[in-house]
């Protein structure tokens, strides 16, 4: 098996601009594995389109024209891992404020595979309780205001990888009041090293892997 690419992959900005919609997203290019490149770009564009459709579908019947602005951030681009977020802000008058959606993707750039949270960890390792324990501790230590009790992460919990941390996050209003923004809970890879798949995206953030 070929060694995973460890250098940053080239990224350029793509756009989807039509009346009332201006969305920018990352596009990978110049990879030796064109199939992996195509798979990543297709997943990124599909997520961007799904976010636009979701926000247009939430428009109230008596509302005005919805305007959507979308941006992205690269969180990790090293060690053969690309992890990114895409955020769309939508406003429909006469609402008091707009709403932002946040989504993320984490790829193995050698294969183009996108990883769901459970795929970062060994089967049956008990990673869920380790993450839940860290989130509960952070809620208490940071005095995070809750709308509902935190009962644990979902199987499809959104996340991204930033340097040597797994960042688990929740949508607006899902856990905290709107004014708090997106509640994000960074968890050091060292705290999770007993559970991770070393060859997976999170395991590669460990030194010596």
N, C-alpha and C. Protein backbone atom coordinates (compact mmCIF):
# COMPACT_ATOMS: atom_id res chain seq x y z
N UNK A 1 0.86 -1.20 0.00
CA UNK A 1 0.00 0.00 0.00
C UNK A 1 0.88 1.24 0.00
N UNK A 2 0.55 2.20 -0.83
CA UNK A 2 1.34 3.43 -0.91
C UNK A 2 1.21 4.23 0.38
N UNK A 3 2.30 4.92 0.75
CA UNK A 3 2.26 5.76 1.94
C UNK A 3 1.31 6.92 1.71
N UNK A 4 0.58 7.33 2.76
CA UNK A 4 -0.36 8.44 2.59
C UNK A 4 0.36 9.75 2.31
N UNK A 5 -0.26 10.60 1.54
CA UNK A 5 0.28 11.93 1.28
C UNK A 5 0.32 12.71 2.58
N UNK A 6 1.44 13.37 2.86
CA UNK A 6 1.58 14.07 4.13
C UNK A 6 1.69 15.58 3.95
N UNK A 7 1.84 16.02 2.71
CA UNK A 7 1.97 17.46 2.47
C UNK A 7 0.58 18.07 2.25
N UNK A 8 0.43 19.38 2.41
CA UNK A 8 -0.87 20.02 2.14
C UNK A 8 -1.28 19.84 0.69
N UNK A 9 -2.57 19.59 0.48
CA UNK A 9 -3.06 19.45 -0.88
C UNK A 9 -3.43 20.82 -1.44
N UNK A 10 -3.27 21.04 -2.73
CA UNK A 10 -3.62 22.34 -3.32
C UNK A 10 -5.13 22.58 -3.27
N UNK A 11 -5.49 23.79 -2.91
CA UNK A 11 -6.91 24.17 -2.80
C UNK A 11 -7.14 25.46 -3.58
N UNK A 12 -8.20 25.48 -4.35
CA UNK A 12 -8.65 26.73 -4.96
C UNK A 12 -10.12 26.93 -4.59
N UNK A 13 -10.58 28.14 -4.75
CA UNK A 13 -11.95 28.48 -4.35
C UNK A 13 -12.90 28.42 -5.53
N UNK A 14 -13.95 27.62 -5.36
CA UNK A 14 -15.02 27.60 -6.33
C UNK A 14 -16.19 28.43 -5.83
N UNK A 15 -17.13 28.70 -6.70
CA UNK A 15 -18.25 29.54 -6.29
C UNK A 15 -19.54 29.13 -6.98
N UNK A 16 -20.63 29.42 -6.30
CA UNK A 16 -21.97 29.26 -6.86
C UNK A 16 -22.68 30.59 -6.62
N UNK A 17 -22.83 31.36 -7.68
CA UNK A 17 -23.40 32.70 -7.55
C UNK A 17 -24.58 32.84 -8.50
N UNK A 18 -25.75 33.03 -7.94
CA UNK A 18 -26.98 33.30 -8.68
C UNK A 18 -27.70 34.40 -7.91
N UNK A 19 -28.78 34.96 -8.43
CA UNK A 19 -29.49 36.00 -7.66
C UNK A 19 -29.82 35.54 -6.24
N UNK A 20 -29.42 36.32 -5.27
CA UNK A 20 -29.66 36.12 -3.84
C UNK A 20 -28.83 35.01 -3.21
N UNK A 21 -27.97 34.36 -3.98
CA UNK A 21 -27.13 33.29 -3.44
C UNK A 21 -25.68 33.53 -3.87
N UNK A 22 -24.77 33.57 -2.89
CA UNK A 22 -23.35 33.74 -3.16
C UNK A 22 -22.58 32.81 -2.22
N UNK A 23 -22.23 31.64 -2.72
CA UNK A 23 -21.62 30.60 -1.89
C UNK A 23 -20.25 30.25 -2.45
N UNK A 24 -19.25 30.26 -1.56
CA UNK A 24 -17.89 29.89 -1.94
C UNK A 24 -17.50 28.60 -1.23
N UNK A 25 -16.79 27.73 -1.93
CA UNK A 25 -16.43 26.43 -1.38
C UNK A 25 -15.03 26.05 -1.88
N UNK A 26 -14.35 25.16 -1.17
CA UNK A 26 -13.01 24.75 -1.59
C UNK A 26 -13.07 23.69 -2.68
N UNK A 27 -12.06 23.68 -3.50
CA UNK A 27 -11.95 22.69 -4.56
C UNK A 27 -10.51 22.18 -4.59
N UNK A 28 -10.34 20.87 -4.50
CA UNK A 28 -9.02 20.25 -4.50
C UNK A 28 -8.56 20.06 -5.95
N UNK A 29 -7.27 20.28 -6.21
CA UNK A 29 -6.78 20.07 -7.57
C UNK A 29 -5.33 19.58 -7.53
N UNK A 30 -4.89 19.04 -8.65
CA UNK A 30 -3.49 18.66 -8.80
C UNK A 30 -3.07 17.41 -8.06
N UNK A 31 -4.01 16.55 -7.65
CA UNK A 31 -3.64 15.33 -6.94
C UNK A 31 -3.28 14.21 -7.92
N UNK A 32 -2.34 13.34 -7.55
CA UNK A 32 -2.00 12.23 -8.44
C UNK A 32 -3.14 11.23 -8.59
N UNK A 33 -3.96 11.08 -7.56
CA UNK A 33 -5.12 10.19 -7.63
C UNK A 33 -6.33 11.02 -8.04
N UNK A 34 -6.64 11.03 -9.32
CA UNK A 34 -7.73 11.86 -9.82
C UNK A 34 -9.09 11.37 -9.31
N UNK A 35 -9.18 10.07 -9.05
CA UNK A 35 -10.43 9.54 -8.51
C UNK A 35 -10.70 10.07 -7.11
N UNK A 36 -9.67 10.11 -6.28
CA UNK A 36 -9.81 10.66 -4.93
C UNK A 36 -10.14 12.15 -4.99
N UNK A 37 -9.48 12.86 -5.88
CA UNK A 37 -9.75 14.29 -6.06
C UNK A 37 -11.20 14.53 -6.45
N UNK A 38 -11.70 13.74 -7.41
CA UNK A 38 -13.08 13.90 -7.87
C UNK A 38 -14.07 13.58 -6.75
N UNK A 39 -13.77 12.55 -5.96
CA UNK A 39 -14.67 12.16 -4.87
C UNK A 39 -14.78 13.26 -3.82
N UNK A 40 -13.66 13.88 -3.47
CA UNK A 40 -13.68 14.96 -2.48
C UNK A 40 -14.44 16.17 -3.00
N UNK A 41 -14.15 16.55 -4.23
CA UNK A 41 -14.83 17.73 -4.78
C UNK A 41 -16.33 17.50 -4.93
N UNK A 42 -16.70 16.28 -5.29
CA UNK A 42 -18.13 15.97 -5.42
C UNK A 42 -18.82 16.06 -4.06
N UNK A 43 -18.17 15.54 -3.01
CA UNK A 43 -18.75 15.58 -1.67
C UNK A 43 -18.88 17.02 -1.17
N UNK A 44 -17.90 17.84 -1.45
CA UNK A 44 -17.93 19.24 -1.01
C UNK A 44 -19.05 19.99 -1.71
N UNK A 45 -19.16 19.82 -3.04
CA UNK A 45 -20.22 20.51 -3.78
C UNK A 45 -21.60 19.99 -3.38
N UNK A 46 -21.71 18.70 -3.14
CA UNK A 46 -23.00 18.14 -2.73
C UNK A 46 -23.43 18.71 -1.38
N UNK A 47 -22.48 18.87 -0.47
CA UNK A 47 -22.81 19.44 0.83
C UNK A 47 -23.23 20.90 0.69
N UNK A 48 -22.53 21.65 -0.15
CA UNK A 48 -22.89 23.05 -0.38
C UNK A 48 -24.31 23.16 -0.95
N UNK A 49 -24.63 22.31 -1.91
CA UNK A 49 -25.97 22.34 -2.52
C UNK A 49 -27.04 21.94 -1.51
N UNK A 50 -26.75 20.92 -0.69
CA UNK A 50 -27.72 20.48 0.30
C UNK A 50 -28.00 21.57 1.33
N UNK A 51 -26.99 22.32 1.70
CA UNK A 51 -27.17 23.41 2.66
C UNK A 51 -28.06 24.50 2.08
N UNK A 52 -27.83 24.84 0.81
CA UNK A 52 -28.66 25.86 0.16
C UNK A 52 -30.11 25.39 0.10
N UNK A 53 -30.32 24.16 -0.31
CA UNK A 53 -31.69 23.63 -0.41
C UNK A 53 -32.37 23.59 0.95
N UNK A 54 -31.62 23.22 1.98
CA UNK A 54 -32.21 23.19 3.33
C UNK A 54 -32.64 24.57 3.77
N UNK A 55 -31.81 25.57 3.53
CA UNK A 55 -32.15 26.93 3.97
C UNK A 55 -33.29 27.52 3.15
N UNK A 56 -33.33 27.25 1.85
CA UNK A 56 -34.46 27.74 1.05
C UNK A 56 -35.75 27.04 1.46
N UNK A 57 -35.65 25.79 1.88
CA UNK A 57 -36.83 25.06 2.31
C UNK A 57 -37.39 25.53 3.64
N UNK A 58 -36.57 26.24 4.42
CA UNK A 58 -37.02 26.75 5.71
C UNK A 58 -37.65 28.14 5.61
N UNK A 59 -37.72 28.68 4.40
CA UNK A 59 -38.28 30.02 4.22
C UNK A 59 -39.76 30.02 4.57
N UNK A 60 -40.21 30.97 5.42
CA UNK A 60 -41.63 31.02 5.76
C UNK A 60 -42.47 31.41 4.56
N UNK A 61 -43.71 30.93 4.47
CA UNK A 61 -44.56 31.19 3.30
C UNK A 61 -44.78 32.67 3.04
N UNK A 62 -44.84 33.46 4.12
CA UNK A 62 -45.12 34.89 3.97
C UNK A 62 -43.86 35.74 4.01
N UNK A 63 -42.70 35.10 3.89
CA UNK A 63 -41.45 35.84 3.94
C UNK A 63 -41.06 36.40 2.58
N UNK A 64 -40.05 37.25 2.62
CA UNK A 64 -39.52 37.81 1.38
C UNK A 64 -38.50 36.89 0.76
N UNK A 65 -37.70 37.44 -0.13
CA UNK A 65 -36.68 36.65 -0.81
C UNK A 65 -35.54 36.34 0.15
N UNK A 66 -35.14 35.08 0.21
CA UNK A 66 -34.04 34.67 1.09
C UNK A 66 -32.71 34.93 0.40
N UNK A 67 -31.79 35.56 1.11
CA UNK A 67 -30.43 35.75 0.62
C UNK A 67 -29.50 34.82 1.39
N UNK A 68 -28.59 34.18 0.68
CA UNK A 68 -27.69 33.21 1.29
C UNK A 68 -26.25 33.56 0.93
N UNK A 69 -25.39 33.58 1.94
CA UNK A 69 -23.97 33.81 1.75
C UNK A 69 -23.21 32.65 2.39
N UNK A 70 -22.33 32.01 1.63
CA UNK A 70 -21.62 30.84 2.13
C UNK A 70 -20.11 30.98 2.04
N UNK A 71 -19.44 30.54 3.10
CA UNK A 71 -17.98 30.59 3.17
C UNK A 71 -17.46 29.24 3.66
N UNK A 72 -16.15 29.07 3.63
CA UNK A 72 -15.57 27.84 4.14
C UNK A 72 -14.28 28.15 4.90
N UNK A 73 -13.86 27.20 5.73
CA UNK A 73 -12.59 27.30 6.44
C UNK A 73 -11.88 25.95 6.39
N UNK A 74 -10.60 25.97 6.10
CA UNK A 74 -9.79 24.76 6.17
C UNK A 74 -9.30 24.61 7.61
N UNK A 75 -9.58 23.49 8.22
CA UNK A 75 -9.19 23.27 9.62
C UNK A 75 -7.91 22.44 9.73
N UNK A 76 -7.75 21.47 8.84
CA UNK A 76 -6.52 20.66 8.78
C UNK A 76 -6.23 20.35 7.32
N UNK A 77 -4.99 20.54 6.94
CA UNK A 77 -4.53 20.17 5.61
C UNK A 77 -3.08 19.70 5.74
N UNK A 78 -2.93 18.53 6.34
CA UNK A 78 -1.60 17.98 6.60
C UNK A 78 -1.74 16.48 6.88
N UNK A 79 -0.61 15.77 6.79
CA UNK A 79 -0.56 14.34 7.12
C UNK A 79 -1.60 13.50 6.36
N UNK A 80 -1.91 13.92 5.16
CA UNK A 80 -2.86 13.17 4.36
C UNK A 80 -4.30 13.34 4.80
N UNK A 81 -4.58 14.39 5.56
CA UNK A 81 -5.93 14.65 6.07
C UNK A 81 -6.37 16.04 5.65
N UNK A 82 -7.58 16.14 5.11
CA UNK A 82 -8.20 17.43 4.82
C UNK A 82 -9.50 17.50 5.61
N UNK A 83 -9.58 18.45 6.52
CA UNK A 83 -10.79 18.65 7.33
C UNK A 83 -11.22 20.10 7.17
N UNK A 84 -12.49 20.33 6.89
CA UNK A 84 -12.97 21.67 6.57
C UNK A 84 -14.39 21.86 7.07
N UNK A 85 -14.77 23.13 7.19
CA UNK A 85 -16.15 23.49 7.51
C UNK A 85 -16.70 24.36 6.39
N UNK A 86 -18.02 24.26 6.21
CA UNK A 86 -18.76 25.12 5.30
C UNK A 86 -19.89 25.76 6.08
N UNK A 87 -20.00 27.08 5.99
CA UNK A 87 -21.04 27.79 6.72
C UNK A 87 -21.85 28.66 5.78
N UNK A 88 -23.17 28.59 5.91
CA UNK A 88 -24.09 29.40 5.10
C UNK A 88 -24.94 30.25 6.01
N UNK A 89 -24.95 31.55 5.74
CA UNK A 89 -25.83 32.48 6.46
C UNK A 89 -27.00 32.82 5.55
N UNK A 90 -28.21 32.62 6.06
CA UNK A 90 -29.42 32.90 5.27
C UNK A 90 -30.30 33.88 6.03
N UNK A 91 -30.81 34.87 5.31
CA UNK A 91 -31.72 35.85 5.92
C UNK A 91 -32.95 36.02 5.03
N UNK A 92 -34.11 35.94 5.66
CA UNK A 92 -35.37 36.17 4.97
C UNK A 92 -36.13 37.27 5.69
N UNK A 93 -36.33 38.44 5.06
CA UNK A 93 -37.10 39.49 5.72
C UNK A 93 -38.56 39.06 5.85
N UNK A 94 -39.26 39.48 6.91
CA UNK A 94 -38.85 40.48 7.90
C UNK A 94 -38.32 39.86 9.19
N UNK A 95 -37.62 38.74 9.15
CA UNK A 95 -37.11 38.09 10.36
C UNK A 95 -36.18 39.02 11.12
N UNK A 96 -36.11 38.84 12.44
CA UNK A 96 -35.27 39.68 13.28
C UNK A 96 -33.79 39.45 13.00
N UNK A 97 -33.44 38.22 12.64
CA UNK A 97 -32.05 37.91 12.31
C UNK A 97 -32.02 36.70 11.39
N UNK A 98 -30.88 36.51 10.77
CA UNK A 98 -30.71 35.36 9.90
C UNK A 98 -30.30 34.13 10.68
N UNK A 99 -30.11 33.03 9.97
CA UNK A 99 -29.67 31.78 10.58
C UNK A 99 -28.48 31.23 9.79
N UNK A 100 -27.54 30.68 10.53
CA UNK A 100 -26.35 30.11 9.92
C UNK A 100 -26.34 28.60 10.10
N UNK A 101 -26.02 27.90 9.03
CA UNK A 101 -25.81 26.45 9.08
C UNK A 101 -24.32 26.19 9.03
N UNK A 102 -23.87 25.22 9.80
CA UNK A 102 -22.46 24.82 9.78
C UNK A 102 -22.38 23.33 9.51
N UNK A 103 -21.59 22.96 8.52
CA UNK A 103 -21.38 21.56 8.18
C UNK A 103 -19.87 21.34 8.03
N UNK A 104 -19.44 20.08 8.05
CA UNK A 104 -18.01 19.79 7.95
C UNK A 104 -17.78 18.48 7.22
N UNK A 105 -16.57 18.33 6.73
CA UNK A 105 -16.13 17.11 6.06
C UNK A 105 -14.68 16.84 6.43
N UNK A 106 -14.34 15.57 6.61
CA UNK A 106 -12.96 15.17 6.88
C UNK A 106 -12.61 14.03 5.94
N UNK A 107 -11.53 14.22 5.18
CA UNK A 107 -11.15 13.28 4.13
C UNK A 107 -9.78 12.66 4.38
N UNK A 108 -9.62 11.43 3.91
CA UNK A 108 -8.31 10.86 3.62
C UNK A 108 -7.99 11.26 2.19
N UNK A 109 -6.99 12.10 1.99
CA UNK A 109 -6.76 12.66 0.66
C UNK A 109 -6.17 11.63 -0.31
N UNK A 110 -5.62 10.53 0.21
CA UNK A 110 -5.07 9.50 -0.68
C UNK A 110 -6.17 8.70 -1.35
N UNK A 111 -7.32 8.56 -0.67
CA UNK A 111 -8.41 7.74 -1.20
C UNK A 111 -9.64 8.56 -1.55
N UNK A 112 -9.76 9.77 -0.98
CA UNK A 112 -10.95 10.59 -1.20
C UNK A 112 -12.11 10.22 -0.28
N UNK A 113 -11.89 9.28 0.63
CA UNK A 113 -12.96 8.84 1.53
C UNK A 113 -13.26 9.91 2.58
N UNK A 114 -14.55 10.19 2.79
CA UNK A 114 -15.00 11.07 3.86
C UNK A 114 -15.34 10.22 5.08
N UNK A 115 -14.89 10.64 6.25
CA UNK A 115 -15.04 9.86 7.47
C UNK A 115 -16.14 10.41 8.37
N UNK A 116 -17.09 9.55 8.74
CA UNK A 116 -18.03 9.87 9.80
C UNK A 116 -17.32 9.68 11.14
N UNK A 117 -17.85 10.29 12.18
CA UNK A 117 -17.19 10.25 13.49
C UNK A 117 -16.86 8.83 13.95
N UNK A 118 -17.80 7.86 13.91
CA UNK A 118 -17.47 6.53 14.42
C UNK A 118 -16.29 5.86 13.70
N UNK A 119 -16.05 6.25 12.45
CA UNK A 119 -14.99 5.62 11.68
C UNK A 119 -13.59 6.05 12.12
N UNK A 120 -13.51 7.07 12.97
CA UNK A 120 -12.22 7.51 13.50
C UNK A 120 -11.72 6.61 14.61
N UNK A 121 -12.63 5.77 15.15
CA UNK A 121 -12.32 5.03 16.37
C UNK A 121 -12.48 3.53 16.15
N UNK A 122 -11.81 2.77 17.01
CA UNK A 122 -11.92 1.31 16.96
C UNK A 122 -13.30 0.87 17.41
N UNK A 123 -13.84 -0.10 16.73
CA UNK A 123 -15.17 -0.61 17.03
C UNK A 123 -15.21 -1.15 18.46
N UNK A 124 -16.21 -0.71 19.21
CA UNK A 124 -16.37 -1.17 20.59
C UNK A 124 -15.37 -0.59 21.57
N UNK A 125 -14.68 0.48 21.18
CA UNK A 125 -13.63 1.04 22.04
C UNK A 125 -14.17 1.89 23.18
N UNK A 126 -15.44 2.30 23.09
CA UNK A 126 -16.00 3.15 24.13
C UNK A 126 -15.67 4.63 23.97
N UNK A 127 -15.37 5.02 22.73
CA UNK A 127 -15.00 6.43 22.49
C UNK A 127 -16.13 7.39 22.83
N UNK A 128 -17.39 6.95 22.68
CA UNK A 128 -18.54 7.85 22.91
C UNK A 128 -18.52 8.41 24.33
N UNK A 129 -18.31 7.54 25.32
CA UNK A 129 -18.33 8.00 26.70
C UNK A 129 -17.15 8.91 27.00
N UNK A 130 -16.02 8.64 26.36
CA UNK A 130 -14.86 9.53 26.55
C UNK A 130 -15.16 10.93 26.03
N UNK A 131 -15.80 11.01 24.85
CA UNK A 131 -16.17 12.31 24.30
C UNK A 131 -17.25 12.97 25.16
N UNK A 132 -18.27 12.20 25.55
CA UNK A 132 -19.34 12.76 26.38
C UNK A 132 -18.79 13.30 27.70
N UNK A 133 -17.87 12.58 28.28
CA UNK A 133 -17.28 12.99 29.56
C UNK A 133 -16.54 14.33 29.40
N UNK A 134 -15.80 14.46 28.29
CA UNK A 134 -15.08 15.71 28.04
C UNK A 134 -16.04 16.87 27.82
N UNK A 135 -17.11 16.62 27.06
CA UNK A 135 -18.09 17.69 26.80
C UNK A 135 -18.77 18.12 28.09
N UNK A 136 -19.16 17.16 28.92
CA UNK A 136 -19.80 17.52 30.20
C UNK A 136 -18.86 18.35 31.07
N UNK A 137 -17.60 17.98 31.08
CA UNK A 137 -16.63 18.72 31.87
C UNK A 137 -16.47 20.14 31.33
N UNK A 138 -16.43 20.28 30.01
CA UNK A 138 -16.27 21.62 29.43
C UNK A 138 -17.52 22.47 29.66
N UNK A 139 -18.69 21.87 29.59
CA UNK A 139 -19.92 22.62 29.86
C UNK A 139 -19.88 23.20 31.27
N UNK A 140 -19.40 22.40 32.21
CA UNK A 140 -19.33 22.87 33.60
C UNK A 140 -18.21 23.89 33.78
N UNK A 141 -17.04 23.60 33.25
CA UNK A 141 -15.89 24.49 33.45
C UNK A 141 -16.09 25.83 32.77
N UNK A 142 -16.73 25.83 31.60
CA UNK A 142 -16.92 27.07 30.85
C UNK A 142 -18.27 27.72 31.14
N UNK A 143 -19.05 27.09 32.00
CA UNK A 143 -20.38 27.61 32.36
C UNK A 143 -21.21 27.87 31.10
N UNK A 144 -21.27 26.86 30.24
CA UNK A 144 -22.01 26.97 28.98
C UNK A 144 -23.52 26.97 29.27
N UNK A 145 -24.26 27.99 28.81
CA UNK A 145 -25.71 28.03 29.04
C UNK A 145 -26.43 27.04 28.14
N UNK A 146 -27.25 26.19 28.71
CA UNK A 146 -27.92 25.15 27.95
C UNK A 146 -29.42 25.42 27.82
N UNK A 147 -29.95 25.13 26.63
CA UNK A 147 -31.40 25.15 26.43
C UNK A 147 -32.01 23.82 26.83
N UNK A 148 -31.23 22.75 26.64
CA UNK A 148 -31.66 21.39 27.00
C UNK A 148 -30.49 20.69 27.65
N UNK A 149 -30.77 19.64 28.39
CA UNK A 149 -29.71 18.87 29.02
C UNK A 149 -28.90 18.13 27.96
N UNK A 150 -27.59 18.13 28.12
CA UNK A 150 -26.74 17.37 27.22
C UNK A 150 -26.80 15.90 27.62
N UNK A 151 -27.27 15.05 26.72
CA UNK A 151 -27.44 13.63 27.02
C UNK A 151 -26.42 12.75 26.31
N UNK A 152 -25.60 13.33 25.45
CA UNK A 152 -24.59 12.56 24.75
C UNK A 152 -24.58 12.87 23.26
N UNK A 153 -23.47 12.54 22.61
CA UNK A 153 -23.33 12.81 21.18
C UNK A 153 -24.18 11.84 20.38
N UNK A 154 -24.51 12.25 19.17
CA UNK A 154 -25.25 11.40 18.24
C UNK A 154 -24.26 10.54 17.45
N UNK A 155 -24.76 9.46 16.86
CA UNK A 155 -23.91 8.61 16.03
C UNK A 155 -23.33 9.38 14.85
N UNK A 156 -24.14 10.30 14.30
CA UNK A 156 -23.68 11.09 13.16
C UNK A 156 -23.27 12.50 13.61
N UNK A 157 -22.76 12.61 14.82
CA UNK A 157 -22.38 13.91 15.38
C UNK A 157 -21.39 14.63 14.46
N UNK A 158 -21.66 15.89 14.13
CA UNK A 158 -20.71 16.62 13.29
C UNK A 158 -19.44 16.97 14.06
N UNK A 159 -18.34 17.01 13.34
CA UNK A 159 -17.04 17.28 13.94
C UNK A 159 -16.10 17.77 12.86
N UNK A 160 -14.96 18.28 13.29
CA UNK A 160 -13.83 18.48 12.39
C UNK A 160 -12.55 18.28 13.19
N UNK A 161 -11.44 18.15 12.48
CA UNK A 161 -10.14 17.99 13.11
C UNK A 161 -9.36 19.27 12.91
N UNK A 162 -8.84 19.81 13.99
CA UNK A 162 -8.04 21.02 13.94
C UNK A 162 -6.73 20.75 14.68
N UNK A 163 -5.65 20.66 13.92
CA UNK A 163 -4.34 20.35 14.46
C UNK A 163 -4.40 19.03 15.23
N UNK A 164 -4.16 19.06 16.54
CA UNK A 164 -4.15 17.82 17.32
C UNK A 164 -5.39 17.72 18.20
N UNK A 165 -6.52 18.14 17.68
CA UNK A 165 -7.77 18.09 18.45
C UNK A 165 -8.93 17.68 17.57
N UNK A 166 -9.83 16.92 18.17
CA UNK A 166 -11.13 16.65 17.59
C UNK A 166 -12.07 17.73 18.12
N UNK A 167 -12.78 18.42 17.22
CA UNK A 167 -13.72 19.45 17.65
C UNK A 167 -15.13 18.99 17.33
N UNK A 168 -15.91 18.72 18.37
CA UNK A 168 -17.31 18.33 18.23
C UNK A 168 -18.15 19.59 18.39
N UNK A 169 -19.15 19.77 17.52
CA UNK A 169 -19.95 20.99 17.59
C UNK A 169 -21.43 20.68 17.39
N UNK A 170 -22.24 21.68 17.73
CA UNK A 170 -23.70 21.56 17.63
C UNK A 170 -24.22 22.77 16.87
N UNK A 171 -25.42 22.62 16.28
CA UNK A 171 -26.02 23.70 15.52
C UNK A 171 -26.62 24.76 16.44
N UNK A 172 -26.92 25.91 15.87
CA UNK A 172 -27.59 26.97 16.63
C UNK A 172 -28.91 26.45 17.19
N UNK A 173 -29.20 26.79 18.42
CA UNK A 173 -30.43 26.40 19.13
C UNK A 173 -30.47 24.92 19.50
N UNK A 174 -29.53 24.12 19.03
CA UNK A 174 -29.59 22.68 19.32
C UNK A 174 -29.28 22.39 20.79
N UNK A 175 -28.37 23.18 21.34
CA UNK A 175 -27.93 22.94 22.71
C UNK A 175 -27.91 24.22 23.55
N UNK A 176 -27.63 25.34 22.89
CA UNK A 176 -27.46 26.61 23.59
C UNK A 176 -28.29 27.71 22.93
N UNK A 177 -28.49 28.86 23.61
CA UNK A 177 -29.22 29.97 23.00
C UNK A 177 -28.50 30.52 21.76
N UNK A 178 -29.25 31.18 20.91
CA UNK A 178 -28.72 31.73 19.67
C UNK A 178 -27.52 32.63 19.91
N UNK A 179 -27.59 33.46 20.96
CA UNK A 179 -26.53 34.44 21.19
C UNK A 179 -25.20 33.78 21.53
N UNK A 180 -25.23 32.52 21.93
CA UNK A 180 -23.99 31.82 22.27
C UNK A 180 -23.22 31.40 21.02
N UNK A 181 -23.91 31.35 19.90
CA UNK A 181 -23.26 30.89 18.67
C UNK A 181 -23.20 29.37 18.62
N UNK A 182 -22.26 28.85 17.85
CA UNK A 182 -22.12 27.40 17.73
C UNK A 182 -21.32 26.87 18.91
N UNK A 183 -21.91 26.02 19.74
CA UNK A 183 -21.14 25.44 20.83
C UNK A 183 -20.13 24.42 20.29
N UNK A 184 -18.86 24.67 20.56
CA UNK A 184 -17.80 23.82 20.06
C UNK A 184 -16.97 23.29 21.23
N UNK A 185 -16.62 22.01 21.13
CA UNK A 185 -15.92 21.36 22.23
C UNK A 185 -14.67 20.67 21.68
N UNK A 186 -13.51 21.31 21.81
CA UNK A 186 -12.26 20.69 21.36
C UNK A 186 -11.78 19.65 22.37
N UNK A 187 -11.36 18.51 21.84
CA UNK A 187 -10.87 17.42 22.68
C UNK A 187 -9.52 16.98 22.13
N UNK A 188 -8.50 17.02 22.96
CA UNK A 188 -7.15 16.68 22.52
C UNK A 188 -7.09 15.24 22.04
N UNK A 189 -6.32 15.02 20.98
CA UNK A 189 -6.14 13.66 20.46
C UNK A 189 -5.46 12.78 21.50
N UNK A 190 -4.67 13.39 22.40
CA UNK A 190 -4.02 12.61 23.45
C UNK A 190 -5.05 12.03 24.41
N UNK A 191 -6.15 12.75 24.61
CA UNK A 191 -7.21 12.28 25.49
C UNK A 191 -7.97 11.10 24.86
N UNK A 192 -7.88 10.98 23.54
CA UNK A 192 -8.62 9.95 22.82
C UNK A 192 -7.73 8.88 22.21
N UNK A 193 -6.43 8.94 22.47
CA UNK A 193 -5.49 8.08 21.76
C UNK A 193 -5.72 6.59 22.01
N UNK A 194 -6.34 6.23 23.13
CA UNK A 194 -6.59 4.82 23.42
C UNK A 194 -7.74 4.26 22.58
N UNK A 195 -8.46 5.13 21.88
CA UNK A 195 -9.65 4.70 21.15
C UNK A 195 -9.52 4.82 19.63
N UNK A 196 -8.57 5.62 19.16
CA UNK A 196 -8.53 5.96 17.74
C UNK A 196 -7.96 4.85 16.89
N UNK A 197 -8.36 4.85 15.63
CA UNK A 197 -7.70 4.04 14.60
C UNK A 197 -6.46 4.82 14.18
N UNK A 198 -5.29 4.28 14.45
CA UNK A 198 -4.06 5.05 14.22
C UNK A 198 -3.90 5.45 12.75
N UNK A 199 -4.34 4.60 11.84
CA UNK A 199 -4.19 4.91 10.42
C UNK A 199 -5.27 5.86 9.92
N UNK A 200 -6.27 6.16 10.76
CA UNK A 200 -7.36 7.04 10.37
C UNK A 200 -6.98 8.50 10.50
N UNK A 201 -7.86 9.39 10.07
CA UNK A 201 -7.55 10.83 10.07
C UNK A 201 -7.18 11.39 11.44
N UNK A 202 -7.86 10.98 12.50
CA UNK A 202 -7.54 11.51 13.82
C UNK A 202 -6.27 10.87 14.37
N UNK A 203 -6.10 9.58 14.15
CA UNK A 203 -4.92 8.91 14.63
C UNK A 203 -3.64 9.46 14.02
N UNK A 204 -3.72 9.96 12.81
CA UNK A 204 -2.52 10.51 12.15
C UNK A 204 -2.04 11.80 12.80
N UNK A 205 -2.86 12.41 13.63
CA UNK A 205 -2.43 13.62 14.32
C UNK A 205 -1.52 13.32 15.51
N UNK A 206 -1.45 12.04 15.91
CA UNK A 206 -0.57 11.64 16.99
C UNK A 206 0.89 11.68 16.52
N UNK A 207 1.80 12.16 17.35
CA UNK A 207 3.22 12.18 16.96
C UNK A 207 3.73 10.77 16.68
N UNK A 208 4.53 10.64 15.66
CA UNK A 208 5.14 9.36 15.34
C UNK A 208 4.27 8.43 14.51
N UNK A 209 3.03 8.83 14.25
CA UNK A 209 2.14 7.99 13.43
C UNK A 209 2.33 8.31 11.96
